[in-house]
């Protein structure tokens, strides 16, 4: 009997199990948390904060679980068109409302994860063991299993590391004599705080979401409608400019955003809980693709491979893209890491390029990077007025188009003609 073991019941882990269920007789998912229903859990520290599922990620989930969007909508998760029924602000300017063909599924992270988990565990041969942590890998020339807390050893033809940013797999591999992946880091010292409120239909004139991007010179935040007629509000700041959790100070921080939309909700809506904080030190990328001889029988995926600045909402979608790569190359680690690196490259360059616009963020700044950053800034200004630029920009941000789409001749002309509005 062929068995795969997936470490971590994260979205990356669940999608990995979904893919492997068609290849292996048994897929065992192991997670240290006790998991029950659609509740926030310790292993997902950002579960109580805003999450964004990009259209590319939603489309992949639909491919793996047909009807998932409609099912979650029937359970109460709102849906809307990205620039219709929701508001996006870049550099303090609202992106022009226009049709994009992009769907936003406004489900909380616990609800989305629960929906995926239920469908994954319904597959033949898939089992979830909770409250059980992995403590090491087993094998020599090839990984042949995992050790669990308590001393139990579980044999596996393939082990998937989906344990997230805090993965201990590099240490485990080194203990067995295998090469440790090099790491790239971009520290941003991001802090955010979140709170939920009772939503009324008249809030935001009926719109379901507002996102105010955090950029140099601008604090950011957002409010999205969740299941249960709730607003989920998150405020954010970079480089130590963290929002407070005192309710009055939380409101005062919201008032400093460049537009009033989020502050109006915080000021007017009934709070349902107290603000909760979270801190993110920086993006971390493990370069498994640069290992000369990656070990057989083991693969890393999701945040265990690359943990992005959550401001840009790329994590779940890149994890879904990684699952597509896993589907085709699960038996070939070198090919898997090469193909996964190509997926990660796009999101990594977009997010770190935005982070490096902050003078206080340390990292490599090339002439090309400065040119791209300046052009991106112009594109954001153009998106404020031009529907074609707005549509293209949002499709690139949602990973449904490559960044080169912003360099199409008709888009370039409109971007270069754009002038900042008079305030």
Protein backbone atom coordinates (compact mmCIF):
# COMPACT_ATOMS: atom_id res chain seq x y z
CA UNK A 1 0.00 0.00 0.00
CA UNK A 2 1.42 3.36 -1.03
CA UNK A 3 1.12 6.02 1.64
CA UNK A 4 1.78 9.76 1.70
CA UNK A 5 2.04 11.79 4.90
CA UNK A 6 1.18 15.48 4.89
CA UNK A 7 2.51 17.50 7.82
CA UNK A 8 0.08 20.33 8.53
CA UNK A 9 -3.66 20.66 7.92
CA UNK A 10 -3.25 24.16 6.52
CA UNK A 11 -4.83 25.06 3.21
CA UNK A 12 -1.54 24.06 1.55
CA UNK A 13 -1.64 20.73 3.38
CA UNK A 14 -5.28 20.06 2.55
CA UNK A 15 -4.75 20.85 -1.13
CA UNK A 16 -1.70 18.59 -1.15
CA UNK A 17 -3.80 15.77 0.28
CA UNK A 18 -6.47 16.44 -2.35
CA UNK A 19 -3.89 16.05 -5.12
CA UNK A 20 -2.18 12.99 -3.65
CA UNK A 21 -5.44 11.15 -2.94
CA UNK A 22 -5.65 10.24 -6.61
CA UNK A 23 -2.15 8.71 -6.58
CA UNK A 24 -1.67 7.11 -3.16
CA UNK A 25 -3.77 4.45 -1.47
CA UNK A 26 -3.67 6.35 1.82
CA UNK A 27 -2.97 9.98 2.65
CA UNK A 28 -2.45 10.78 6.32
CA UNK A 29 -2.61 14.44 7.37
CA UNK A 30 -0.95 15.16 10.72
CA UNK A 31 -1.48 18.41 12.63
CA UNK A 32 -0.47 19.47 16.12
CA UNK A 33 -3.72 21.43 16.67
CA UNK A 34 -6.98 20.03 17.90
CA UNK A 35 -9.26 20.91 14.99
CA UNK A 36 -13.01 21.22 15.29
CA UNK A 37 -15.43 23.00 12.98
CA UNK A 38 -14.98 26.49 11.54
CA UNK A 39 -13.05 28.01 14.43
CA UNK A 40 -9.79 29.92 14.52
CA UNK A 41 -6.93 27.72 15.68
CA UNK A 42 -3.49 28.26 17.12
CA UNK A 43 -1.64 26.94 14.08
CA UNK A 44 -3.09 29.71 11.91
CA UNK A 45 -2.10 32.86 13.83
CA UNK A 46 -3.58 35.12 11.16
CA UNK A 47 -6.98 33.38 11.24
CA UNK A 48 -8.42 36.29 13.26
CA UNK A 49 -7.29 38.87 10.69
CA UNK A 50 -8.26 39.75 7.14
CA UNK A 51 -7.54 37.13 4.50
CA UNK A 52 -7.81 37.62 0.78
CA UNK A 53 -8.38 34.78 -1.68
CA UNK A 54 -7.32 35.98 -5.11
CA UNK A 55 -9.26 35.00 -8.18
CA UNK A 56 -6.51 32.66 -9.40
CA UNK A 57 -6.65 30.84 -6.08
CA UNK A 58 -10.44 30.68 -6.10
CA UNK A 59 -10.41 29.25 -9.63
CA UNK A 60 -7.95 26.52 -8.59
CA UNK A 61 -10.12 25.65 -5.58
CA UNK A 62 -13.09 25.34 -7.93
CA UNK A 63 -11.05 22.98 -10.10
CA UNK A 64 -10.22 20.79 -7.11
CA UNK A 65 -13.65 21.12 -5.44
CA UNK A 66 -16.32 21.93 -8.04
CA UNK A 67 -19.09 24.07 -6.58
CA UNK A 68 -17.11 25.22 -3.53
CA UNK A 69 -17.82 28.92 -4.09
CA UNK A 70 -21.55 28.34 -4.47
CA UNK A 71 -21.62 26.02 -1.46
CA UNK A 72 -19.89 28.57 0.79
CA UNK A 73 -22.14 31.32 -0.54
CA UNK A 74 -25.16 29.20 0.37
CA UNK A 75 -23.69 28.87 3.87
CA UNK A 76 -23.55 32.65 4.20
CA UNK A 77 -20.23 33.77 2.69
CA UNK A 78 -20.79 36.92 0.58
CA UNK A 79 -19.42 37.18 -2.95
CA UNK A 80 -18.87 40.25 -5.08
CA UNK A 81 -17.03 41.48 -8.17
CA UNK A 82 -13.60 42.88 -7.31
CA UNK A 83 -14.27 46.49 -8.37
CA UNK A 84 -18.07 46.33 -8.23
CA UNK A 85 -19.48 46.18 -4.74
CA UNK A 86 -16.06 46.66 -3.19
CA UNK A 87 -13.64 49.57 -3.05
CA UNK A 88 -9.88 49.51 -3.62
CA UNK A 89 -7.56 52.39 -2.78
CA UNK A 90 -3.93 52.57 -3.97
CA UNK A 91 -1.74 55.44 -2.76
CA UNK A 92 -4.89 56.99 -1.34
CA UNK A 93 -6.68 56.96 -4.72
CA UNK A 94 -9.69 54.76 -5.45
CA UNK A 95 -9.22 52.34 -8.32
CA UNK A 96 -11.88 53.13 -10.90
CA UNK A 97 -14.99 50.93 -10.52
CA UNK A 98 -15.23 48.77 -13.62
CA UNK A 99 -16.01 45.20 -14.62
CA UNK A 100 -13.01 42.92 -14.21
CA UNK A 101 -14.45 39.41 -14.42
CA UNK A 102 -12.88 38.69 -11.02
CA UNK A 103 -14.93 37.22 -8.19
CA UNK A 104 -14.20 37.92 -4.54
CA UNK A 105 -15.28 35.24 -2.07
CA UNK A 106 -15.63 36.98 1.30
CA UNK A 107 -15.42 33.96 3.59
CA UNK A 108 -13.48 34.08 6.84
CA UNK A 109 -10.31 32.00 6.93
CA UNK A 110 -11.82 29.48 9.40
CA UNK A 111 -14.91 29.05 7.20
CA UNK A 112 -12.87 28.60 4.03
CA UNK A 113 -10.47 26.18 5.67
CA UNK A 114 -13.34 24.18 7.16
CA UNK A 115 -15.04 23.91 3.76
CA UNK A 116 -11.85 22.65 2.12
CA UNK A 117 -11.11 20.27 4.98
CA UNK A 118 -14.58 18.71 4.91
CA UNK A 119 -14.33 18.03 1.18
CA UNK A 120 -10.79 16.71 1.40
CA UNK A 121 -11.57 14.28 4.22
CA UNK A 122 -14.50 12.94 2.21
CA UNK A 123 -12.04 11.53 -0.35
CA UNK A 124 -11.28 7.80 -0.14
CA UNK A 125 -8.13 7.01 1.81
CA UNK A 126 -7.65 10.48 3.34
CA UNK A 127 -7.33 10.62 7.13
CA UNK A 128 -6.65 13.49 9.55
CA UNK A 129 -4.85 12.96 12.85
CA UNK A 130 -5.04 16.01 15.13
CA UNK A 131 -3.28 16.95 18.34
CA UNK A 132 -0.16 15.22 17.07
CA UNK A 133 3.11 16.99 16.22
CA UNK A 134 5.86 15.69 13.96
CA UNK A 135 9.30 15.65 15.57
CA UNK A 136 11.55 14.52 12.71
CA UNK A 137 12.07 12.77 9.42
CA UNK A 138 13.11 9.15 8.96
CA UNK A 139 15.44 7.88 6.27
CA UNK A 140 18.88 8.16 4.81
CA UNK A 141 19.39 8.32 1.05
CA UNK A 142 15.61 8.76 0.83
CA UNK A 143 13.00 9.97 3.31
CA UNK A 144 10.91 6.98 4.29
CA UNK A 145 8.70 8.34 7.05
CA UNK A 146 8.19 10.73 9.96
CA UNK A 147 8.57 10.56 13.72
CA UNK A 148 5.66 11.77 15.80
CA UNK A 149 5.50 13.07 19.35
CA UNK A 150 5.49 10.09 21.71
CA UNK A 151 8.00 8.16 19.62
CA UNK A 152 5.72 6.66 16.97
CA UNK A 153 7.17 6.28 13.47
CA UNK A 154 4.90 6.43 10.43
CA UNK A 155 6.21 5.03 7.15
CA UNK A 156 5.64 7.03 3.97
CA UNK A 157 6.50 6.87 0.30
CA UNK A 158 6.26 10.67 0.28
CA UNK A 159 6.30 13.28 3.05
CA UNK A 160 4.90 16.76 2.36
CA UNK A 161 5.94 19.61 4.64
CA UNK A 162 3.01 22.03 4.88
CA UNK A 163 3.82 23.18 8.41
CA UNK A 164 4.22 26.80 7.38
CA UNK A 165 6.76 29.48 8.08
CA UNK A 166 7.95 27.81 11.28
CA UNK A 167 8.89 24.60 9.46
CA UNK A 168 11.62 22.58 11.18
CA UNK A 169 12.28 20.48 8.09
CA UNK A 170 15.56 22.25 7.22
CA UNK A 171 16.94 21.18 10.61
CA UNK A 172 15.60 17.66 10.21
CA UNK A 173 17.16 17.32 6.77
CA UNK A 174 20.51 18.60 8.07
CA UNK A 175 20.41 16.06 10.91
CA UNK A 176 20.15 13.31 8.28
CA UNK A 177 23.10 14.71 6.34
CA UNK A 178 21.13 16.44 3.61
CA UNK A 179 21.68 19.96 2.34
CA UNK A 180 19.82 22.77 4.11
CA UNK A 181 18.04 25.22 1.77
CA UNK A 182 19.42 28.76 1.56
CA UNK A 183 17.03 31.49 2.73
CA UNK A 184 16.08 34.93 1.45
CA UNK A 185 14.57 37.42 3.90
CA UNK A 186 13.00 40.85 3.57
CA UNK A 187 12.19 42.26 7.01
CA UNK A 188 9.31 44.75 7.15
CA UNK A 189 8.18 44.73 10.82
CA UNK A 190 4.51 44.76 9.87
CA UNK A 191 1.92 45.00 12.61
CA UNK A 192 -1.83 44.83 12.43
CA UNK A 193 -4.84 44.69 14.66
CA UNK A 194 -8.33 43.41 13.87
CA UNK A 195 -11.83 43.69 15.25
CA UNK A 196 -15.28 42.56 14.13
CA UNK A 197 -18.43 44.69 14.04
CA UNK A 198 -22.13 44.25 13.36
CA UNK A 199 -22.84 45.17 9.75
CA UNK A 200 -25.88 47.16 8.65
CA UNK A 201 -27.00 47.42 5.00
CA UNK A 202 -26.44 51.17 4.89
CA UNK A 203 -22.75 50.93 5.78
CA UNK A 204 -20.51 51.90 2.84
CA UNK A 205 -23.70 52.60 0.87
CA UNK A 206 -24.22 48.86 0.57
CA UNK A 207 -20.72 47.94 -0.66
CA UNK A 208 -19.33 44.74 0.83
CA UNK A 209 -15.63 45.53 1.15
CA UNK A 210 -13.03 48.27 1.19
CA UNK A 211 -9.25 47.85 1.00
CA UNK A 212 -6.86 50.75 1.64
CA UNK A 213 -3.38 49.65 0.63
CA UNK A 214 -0.50 50.29 3.00
CA UNK A 215 2.19 52.16 1.06
CA UNK A 216 5.06 54.53 1.86
CA UNK A 217 3.47 57.56 3.49
CA UNK A 218 0.13 55.80 3.94
CA UNK A 219 -1.19 53.65 6.72
CA UNK A 220 -3.56 50.97 5.52
CA UNK A 221 -6.40 48.72 6.45
CA UNK A 222 -9.55 47.12 5.22
CA UNK A 223 -13.05 46.01 6.05
CA UNK A 224 -14.80 43.07 4.46
CA UNK A 225 -18.23 41.58 5.02
CA UNK A 226 -18.12 38.09 6.49
CA UNK A 227 -20.70 35.39 7.02
CA UNK A 228 -23.09 36.33 9.81
CA UNK A 229 -23.51 39.99 8.74
CA UNK A 230 -20.19 41.01 10.29
CA UNK A 231 -17.54 43.50 9.33
CA UNK A 232 -14.01 42.23 9.73
CA UNK A 233 -11.78 45.29 10.12
CA UNK A 234 -7.98 45.15 10.04
CA UNK A 235 -5.64 48.14 10.46
CA UNK A 236 -1.98 47.87 9.48
CA UNK A 237 1.33 49.68 9.58
CA UNK A 238 4.88 48.91 8.48
CA UNK A 239 8.29 49.39 10.09
CA UNK A 240 7.07 49.49 13.66
CA UNK A 241 4.08 51.79 13.03
CA UNK A 242 1.69 49.26 14.51
CA UNK A 243 -1.98 49.89 15.27
CA UNK A 244 -2.99 49.76 18.95
CA UNK A 245 -5.45 47.34 20.51
CA UNK A 246 -7.02 49.82 22.94
CA UNK A 247 -10.50 50.40 21.42
CA UNK A 248 -10.29 54.21 21.52
CA UNK A 249 -6.76 54.24 20.12
CA UNK A 250 -7.83 51.71 17.48
CA UNK A 251 -10.48 54.16 16.29
CA UNK A 252 -8.01 57.05 16.30
CA UNK A 253 -5.59 55.01 14.18
CA UNK A 254 -8.41 54.27 11.69
CA UNK A 255 -8.99 58.01 11.39
CA UNK A 256 -5.43 58.47 10.08
CA UNK A 257 -5.98 56.35 6.97
CA UNK A 258 -5.89 58.45 3.77
CA UNK A 259 -9.62 57.88 3.11
CA UNK A 260 -12.50 57.80 5.63
CA UNK A 261 -14.27 54.58 4.59
CA UNK A 262 -12.79 52.22 7.20
CA UNK A 263 -12.96 54.81 9.95
CA UNK A 264 -16.67 55.35 9.31
CA UNK A 265 -17.33 51.66 10.00
CA UNK A 266 -15.18 51.67 13.14
CA UNK A 267 -16.92 54.82 14.38
CA UNK A 268 -20.51 53.86 13.56
CA UNK A 269 -20.82 50.06 13.78
CA UNK A 270 -21.40 48.02 16.93
CA UNK A 271 -18.20 46.20 17.99
CA UNK A 272 -18.54 42.47 18.61
CA UNK A 273 -15.18 41.87 20.30
CA UNK A 274 -11.95 43.59 21.30
CA UNK A 275 -9.10 44.33 18.87
CA UNK A 276 -6.49 41.57 18.58
CA UNK A 277 -2.90 42.13 17.39
CA UNK A 278 -0.49 40.30 15.11
CA UNK A 279 3.10 40.98 14.14
CA UNK A 280 4.89 39.84 11.00
CA UNK A 281 8.65 40.28 10.95
CA UNK A 282 9.24 39.76 7.27
CA UNK A 283 8.99 37.60 4.17
CA UNK A 284 10.97 34.35 4.13
CA UNK A 285 11.82 32.23 1.11
CA UNK A 286 13.52 28.84 1.37
CA UNK A 287 15.46 28.10 -1.80
CA UNK A 288 14.94 24.35 -2.13
CA UNK A 289 15.28 24.74 -5.89
CA UNK A 290 18.96 25.62 -5.42
CA UNK A 291 19.82 22.37 -3.63
CA UNK A 292 22.03 20.36 -5.97
CA UNK A 293 20.61 16.97 -4.99
CA UNK A 294 17.19 17.35 -3.31
CA UNK A 295 16.33 14.30 -1.26
CA UNK A 296 13.79 11.88 -2.64
CA UNK A 297 10.58 11.24 -0.74
CA UNK A 298 10.20 14.75 0.68
CA UNK A 299 8.72 18.04 -0.61
CA UNK A 300 7.97 21.41 1.00
CA UNK A 301 4.97 23.47 -0.07
CA UNK A 302 3.04 26.61 0.88
CA UNK A 303 4.52 28.86 3.57
CA UNK A 304 7.12 26.18 4.33
CA UNK A 305 8.51 27.08 0.92
CA UNK A 306 7.81 30.82 0.94
CA UNK A 307 6.04 33.06 3.46
CA UNK A 308 4.90 36.35 1.92
CA UNK A 309 4.08 39.72 3.45
CA UNK A 310 0.36 39.17 4.17
CA UNK A 311 -0.50 42.72 3.08
CA UNK A 312 -0.57 41.46 -0.50
CA UNK A 313 -2.84 38.45 0.16
CA UNK A 314 -0.76 36.08 -1.98
CA UNK A 315 -0.25 33.15 0.39
CA UNK A 316 -3.37 31.04 -0.18
CA UNK A 317 -3.28 31.53 -3.94
CA UNK A 318 0.41 30.64 -4.26
CA UNK A 319 -0.26 27.56 -2.11
CA UNK A 320 -3.02 26.57 -4.53
CA UNK A 321 -0.68 27.09 -7.48
CA UNK A 322 1.87 24.92 -5.69
CA UNK A 323 -0.72 22.15 -5.42
CA UNK A 324 -1.10 22.23 -9.21
CA UNK A 325 2.66 21.78 -9.53
CA UNK A 326 2.54 18.94 -6.99
CA UNK A 327 -0.12 17.20 -9.04
CA UNK A 328 2.25 16.90 -11.98
CA UNK A 329 5.66 16.51 -10.29
CA UNK A 330 5.14 14.85 -6.89
CA UNK A 331 7.60 12.04 -7.77
CA UNK A 332 10.40 14.32 -9.01
CA UNK A 333 11.67 16.75 -6.32
CA UNK A 334 14.05 18.59 -8.64
CA UNK A 335 11.34 19.26 -11.20
CA UNK A 336 8.81 20.13 -8.50
CA UNK A 337 11.04 22.74 -6.88
CA UNK A 338 11.99 24.23 -10.24
CA UNK A 339 8.36 24.56 -11.31
CA UNK A 340 7.28 25.79 -7.84
CA UNK A 341 10.06 28.40 -7.87
CA UNK A 342 8.69 29.81 -11.13
CA UNK A 343 5.30 30.25 -9.45
CA UNK A 344 6.81 31.79 -6.31
CA UNK A 345 9.03 34.14 -8.35
CA UNK A 346 6.07 36.11 -9.67
CA UNK A 347 4.48 36.78 -6.30
CA UNK A 348 7.85 37.26 -4.55
CA UNK A 349 8.98 39.93 -7.02
CA UNK A 350 5.65 41.74 -6.75
CA UNK A 351 5.53 41.75 -2.96
CA UNK A 352 9.20 42.42 -2.21
CA UNK A 353 9.26 45.08 -4.93
CA UNK A 354 6.45 46.86 -3.11
CA UNK A 355 8.19 46.41 0.26
CA UNK A 356 11.46 47.84 -1.04
CA UNK A 357 9.70 51.08 -1.88
CA UNK A 358 9.94 51.80 1.85
CA UNK A 359 13.32 53.48 2.51
CA UNK A 360 13.58 51.70 5.86
CA UNK A 361 13.29 48.20 4.38
CA UNK A 362 16.66 46.61 3.74
CA UNK A 363 17.20 44.57 0.61
CA UNK A 364 18.75 44.54 -2.87
CA UNK A 365 17.64 47.47 -5.02
CA UNK A 366 18.56 47.24 -8.69
CA UNK A 367 18.16 49.84 -11.41
CA UNK A 368 15.55 47.58 -12.99
CA UNK A 369 13.70 47.38 -9.69
CA UNK A 370 13.62 51.15 -9.34
CA UNK A 371 12.25 51.52 -12.87
CA UNK A 372 9.58 48.87 -12.24
CA UNK A 373 8.62 50.56 -8.97
CA UNK A 374 8.28 53.96 -10.61
CA UNK A 375 6.18 52.50 -13.43
CA UNK A 376 3.98 50.63 -10.95
CA UNK A 377 3.34 53.89 -9.12
CA UNK A 378 2.28 55.53 -12.38
CA UNK A 379 0.03 52.56 -13.15
CA UNK A 380 -1.72 52.97 -9.80
CA UNK A 381 -2.39 56.62 -10.60
CA UNK A 382 -3.72 55.68 -14.03
CA UNK A 383 -5.94 52.98 -12.50
CA UNK A 384 -7.70 55.73 -10.58
CA UNK A 385 -9.25 57.05 -13.82
CA UNK A 386 -8.67 54.57 -16.64
CA UNK A 387 -10.87 51.44 -16.70
CA UNK A 388 -8.48 49.46 -18.92
CA UNK A 389 -5.55 50.10 -16.60
CA UNK A 390 -7.73 49.42 -13.55
CA UNK A 391 -8.91 46.10 -14.98
CA UNK A 392 -5.40 45.03 -16.02
CA UNK A 393 -3.84 46.07 -12.71
CA UNK A 394 -6.38 44.11 -10.67
CA UNK A 395 -6.02 41.02 -12.87
CA UNK A 396 -2.25 41.12 -12.39
CA UNK A 397 -2.70 41.60 -8.62
CA UNK A 398 -5.06 38.59 -8.58
CA UNK A 399 -2.44 36.51 -10.42
CA UNK A 400 -4.74 35.79 -13.35
CA UNK A 401 -2.44 37.74 -15.70
CA UNK A 402 1.37 37.95 -15.63
CA UNK A 403 2.96 41.29 -14.64
CA UNK A 404 4.00 41.75 -18.27
CA UNK A 405 0.33 42.46 -19.07
CA UNK A 406 0.95 45.95 -17.68
CA UNK A 407 3.53 46.42 -20.43
CA UNK A 408 1.11 45.86 -23.30
CA UNK A 409 1.40 48.85 -25.68
CA UNK A 410 -2.15 50.13 -25.13
CA UNK A 411 -1.68 49.94 -21.35
CA UNK A 412 1.74 51.62 -21.41
CA UNK A 413 0.39 54.59 -23.38
CA UNK A 414 -2.42 55.12 -20.87
CA UNK A 415 -0.06 54.75 -17.89
CA UNK A 416 2.48 57.24 -19.22
CA UNK A 417 -0.24 59.78 -19.98
CA UNK A 418 -1.63 59.59 -16.47
CA UNK A 419 -1.21 62.54 -14.17
CA UNK A 420 -1.86 62.60 -10.42
CA UNK A 421 -5.21 64.20 -9.53
CA UNK A 422 -5.20 67.51 -7.76
CA UNK A 423 -6.15 67.00 -4.14
